[in-house]
Amino acid sequence: MSSDPRLASMSPEELRRAMRALGYRTQADLAGAIGVSRSAVSLWLEGKVGVPRPVAMLLRMLVAAQRRAF
């Protein structure tokens, strides 16, 4: 199994940082952008449900790409 940190799940704090970095102000903004329900985002931010690995990977790649763009 790989120990690549991009493949790890994402803590609620990291999710909040990613949302801010990408300019998503609300749970609904992020939900609409990645095609999930607002309630799913809410559960992730509350730590009740883990952020799915593909979502965590996508958000990390978007944050990294945004950093490189500036």
N, C-alpha and C. Protein backbone atom coordinates (compact mmCIF):
# COMPACT_ATOMS: atom_id res chain seq x y z
N MET A 1 0.84 -1.20 0.00
CA MET A 1 0.00 0.00 0.00
C MET A 1 0.88 1.25 0.00
N SER A 2 0.45 2.24 -0.73
CA SER A 2 1.23 3.47 -0.86
C SER A 2 1.08 4.34 0.37
N SER A 3 2.14 5.06 0.70
CA SER A 3 2.03 6.02 1.81
C SER A 3 1.95 7.44 1.26
N ASP A 4 1.54 7.57 0.00
CA ASP A 4 1.39 8.89 -0.63
C ASP A 4 0.35 9.69 0.15
N PRO A 5 0.74 10.86 0.70
CA PRO A 5 -0.22 11.63 1.52
C PRO A 5 -1.44 12.09 0.73
N ARG A 6 -1.33 12.18 -0.58
CA ARG A 6 -2.50 12.61 -1.37
C ARG A 6 -3.59 11.56 -1.35
N LEU A 7 -3.24 10.32 -0.98
CA LEU A 7 -4.22 9.24 -0.98
C LEU A 7 -4.92 9.09 0.38
N ALA A 8 -4.45 9.82 1.37
CA ALA A 8 -5.04 9.72 2.71
C ALA A 8 -6.40 10.40 2.74
N SER A 9 -7.19 10.07 3.75
CA SER A 9 -8.44 10.79 3.94
C SER A 9 -8.09 12.21 4.38
N MET A 10 -9.11 13.01 4.58
CA MET A 10 -8.90 14.44 4.83
C MET A 10 -9.62 14.80 6.11
N SER A 11 -8.93 15.49 7.01
CA SER A 11 -9.57 15.91 8.26
C SER A 11 -10.53 17.07 7.98
N PRO A 12 -11.49 17.29 8.89
CA PRO A 12 -12.37 18.45 8.72
C PRO A 12 -11.58 19.75 8.61
N GLU A 13 -10.48 19.87 9.36
CA GLU A 13 -9.69 21.10 9.30
C GLU A 13 -9.04 21.27 7.92
N GLU A 14 -8.51 20.18 7.38
CA GLU A 14 -7.91 20.27 6.04
C GLU A 14 -8.97 20.59 5.00
N LEU A 15 -10.15 20.02 5.15
CA LEU A 15 -11.25 20.30 4.22
C LEU A 15 -11.59 21.79 4.28
N ARG A 16 -11.68 22.35 5.49
CA ARG A 16 -11.97 23.79 5.62
C ARG A 16 -10.90 24.64 4.93
N ARG A 17 -9.62 24.28 5.15
CA ARG A 17 -8.53 25.02 4.51
C ARG A 17 -8.62 24.93 2.99
N ALA A 18 -8.93 23.74 2.48
CA ALA A 18 -9.04 23.56 1.03
C ALA A 18 -10.19 24.40 0.48
N MET A 19 -11.32 24.40 1.19
CA MET A 19 -12.46 25.20 0.75
C MET A 19 -12.08 26.67 0.66
N ARG A 20 -11.40 27.17 1.70
CA ARG A 20 -11.00 28.58 1.69
C ARG A 20 -10.02 28.86 0.56
N ALA A 21 -9.05 27.97 0.39
CA ALA A 21 -8.02 28.17 -0.63
C ALA A 21 -8.65 28.20 -2.03
N LEU A 22 -9.71 27.43 -2.22
CA LEU A 22 -10.34 27.34 -3.54
C LEU A 22 -11.49 28.33 -3.71
N GLY A 23 -11.77 29.11 -2.67
CA GLY A 23 -12.79 30.15 -2.79
C GLY A 23 -14.21 29.69 -2.59
N TYR A 24 -14.41 28.49 -2.02
CA TYR A 24 -15.77 28.04 -1.73
C TYR A 24 -16.16 28.56 -0.36
N ARG A 25 -17.14 29.47 -0.33
CA ARG A 25 -17.52 30.12 0.92
C ARG A 25 -18.52 29.31 1.73
N THR A 26 -19.33 28.52 1.04
CA THR A 26 -20.37 27.76 1.75
C THR A 26 -20.28 26.28 1.41
N GLN A 27 -20.92 25.49 2.26
CA GLN A 27 -21.01 24.05 1.99
C GLN A 27 -21.70 23.81 0.66
N ALA A 28 -22.72 24.59 0.36
CA ALA A 28 -23.45 24.43 -0.90
C ALA A 28 -22.56 24.73 -2.10
N ASP A 29 -21.67 25.73 -1.97
CA ASP A 29 -20.75 26.05 -3.07
C ASP A 29 -19.87 24.85 -3.39
N LEU A 30 -19.27 24.27 -2.36
CA LEU A 30 -18.39 23.12 -2.57
C LEU A 30 -19.19 21.93 -3.10
N ALA A 31 -20.34 21.68 -2.50
CA ALA A 31 -21.17 20.54 -2.92
C ALA A 31 -21.51 20.63 -4.40
N GLY A 32 -21.93 21.82 -4.83
CA GLY A 32 -22.27 22.00 -6.25
C GLY A 32 -21.08 21.81 -7.17
N ALA A 33 -19.92 22.25 -6.71
CA ALA A 33 -18.72 22.17 -7.55
C ALA A 33 -18.25 20.74 -7.76
N ILE A 34 -18.43 19.88 -6.74
CA ILE A 34 -17.92 18.52 -6.87
C ILE A 34 -19.02 17.47 -7.02
N GLY A 35 -20.27 17.92 -7.09
CA GLY A 35 -21.36 17.00 -7.40
C GLY A 35 -21.81 16.11 -6.26
N VAL A 36 -21.82 16.66 -5.04
CA VAL A 36 -22.35 15.92 -3.90
C VAL A 36 -23.41 16.78 -3.22
N SER A 37 -24.11 16.19 -2.25
CA SER A 37 -25.13 16.97 -1.54
C SER A 37 -24.48 17.89 -0.51
N ARG A 38 -25.18 18.95 -0.17
CA ARG A 38 -24.69 19.84 0.87
C ARG A 38 -24.60 19.09 2.19
N SER A 39 -25.53 18.18 2.42
CA SER A 39 -25.50 17.43 3.68
C SER A 39 -24.26 16.54 3.77
N ALA A 40 -23.77 16.02 2.65
CA ALA A 40 -22.53 15.23 2.66
C ALA A 40 -21.37 16.11 3.11
N VAL A 41 -21.29 17.32 2.55
CA VAL A 41 -20.21 18.23 2.94
C VAL A 41 -20.33 18.56 4.42
N SER A 42 -21.54 18.77 4.90
CA SER A 42 -21.76 19.06 6.31
C SER A 42 -21.25 17.92 7.20
N LEU A 43 -21.56 16.70 6.83
CA LEU A 43 -21.10 15.54 7.61
C LEU A 43 -19.57 15.46 7.61
N TRP A 44 -18.95 15.77 6.48
CA TRP A 44 -17.48 15.75 6.42
C TRP A 44 -16.90 16.81 7.34
N LEU A 45 -17.48 18.02 7.31
CA LEU A 45 -16.95 19.12 8.11
C LEU A 45 -17.17 18.88 9.60
N GLU A 46 -18.21 18.16 9.95
CA GLU A 46 -18.47 17.83 11.35
C GLU A 46 -17.64 16.64 11.81
N GLY A 47 -16.98 15.96 10.87
CA GLY A 47 -16.18 14.79 11.22
C GLY A 47 -17.01 13.55 11.47
N LYS A 48 -18.28 13.59 11.09
CA LYS A 48 -19.16 12.42 11.32
C LYS A 48 -18.93 11.35 10.27
N VAL A 49 -18.52 11.78 9.09
CA VAL A 49 -18.24 10.87 7.98
C VAL A 49 -16.91 11.30 7.38
N GLY A 50 -16.07 10.35 7.06
CA GLY A 50 -14.79 10.68 6.45
C GLY A 50 -14.97 11.22 5.04
N VAL A 51 -14.10 12.12 4.64
CA VAL A 51 -14.10 12.62 3.26
C VAL A 51 -13.64 11.46 2.37
N PRO A 52 -14.43 11.10 1.35
CA PRO A 52 -14.01 9.99 0.48
C PRO A 52 -12.65 10.28 -0.16
N ARG A 53 -11.83 9.24 -0.29
CA ARG A 53 -10.49 9.44 -0.83
C ARG A 53 -10.47 10.14 -2.18
N PRO A 54 -11.37 9.78 -3.12
CA PRO A 54 -11.32 10.49 -4.42
C PRO A 54 -11.58 11.99 -4.27
N VAL A 55 -12.46 12.37 -3.34
CA VAL A 55 -12.75 13.79 -3.11
C VAL A 55 -11.53 14.47 -2.50
N ALA A 56 -10.92 13.81 -1.51
CA ALA A 56 -9.72 14.37 -0.89
C ALA A 56 -8.62 14.56 -1.93
N MET A 57 -8.43 13.56 -2.79
CA MET A 57 -7.40 13.66 -3.84
C MET A 57 -7.69 14.83 -4.77
N LEU A 58 -8.96 14.94 -5.20
CA LEU A 58 -9.34 16.02 -6.12
C LEU A 58 -9.07 17.38 -5.49
N LEU A 59 -9.50 17.57 -4.26
CA LEU A 59 -9.32 18.87 -3.62
C LEU A 59 -7.84 19.20 -3.43
N ARG A 60 -7.04 18.19 -3.05
CA ARG A 60 -5.60 18.43 -2.88
C ARG A 60 -4.96 18.81 -4.22
N MET A 61 -5.38 18.13 -5.30
CA MET A 61 -4.82 18.46 -6.62
C MET A 61 -5.22 19.87 -7.03
N LEU A 62 -6.47 20.26 -6.78
CA LEU A 62 -6.92 21.61 -7.14
C LEU A 62 -6.16 22.67 -6.35
N VAL A 63 -5.96 22.44 -5.06
CA VAL A 63 -5.22 23.40 -4.24
C VAL A 63 -3.78 23.51 -4.75
N ALA A 64 -3.15 22.37 -5.04
CA ALA A 64 -1.77 22.38 -5.54
C ALA A 64 -1.68 23.09 -6.89
N ALA A 65 -2.64 22.85 -7.77
CA ALA A 65 -2.63 23.49 -9.08
C ALA A 65 -2.82 25.00 -8.95
N GLN A 66 -3.68 25.40 -8.00
CA GLN A 66 -3.92 26.82 -7.79
C GLN A 66 -2.65 27.50 -7.28
N ARG A 67 -1.95 26.83 -6.38
CA ARG A 67 -0.70 27.41 -5.86
C ARG A 67 0.32 27.61 -6.96
N ARG A 68 0.39 26.63 -7.88
CA ARG A 68 1.37 26.74 -8.98
C ARG A 68 1.01 27.86 -9.95
N ALA A 69 -0.28 28.19 -10.02
CA ALA A 69 -0.74 29.19 -11.00
C ALA A 69 -0.31 30.61 -10.63
N PHE A 70 0.02 30.82 -9.36
CA PHE A 70 0.32 32.18 -8.93
C PHE A 70 1.81 32.45 -8.82
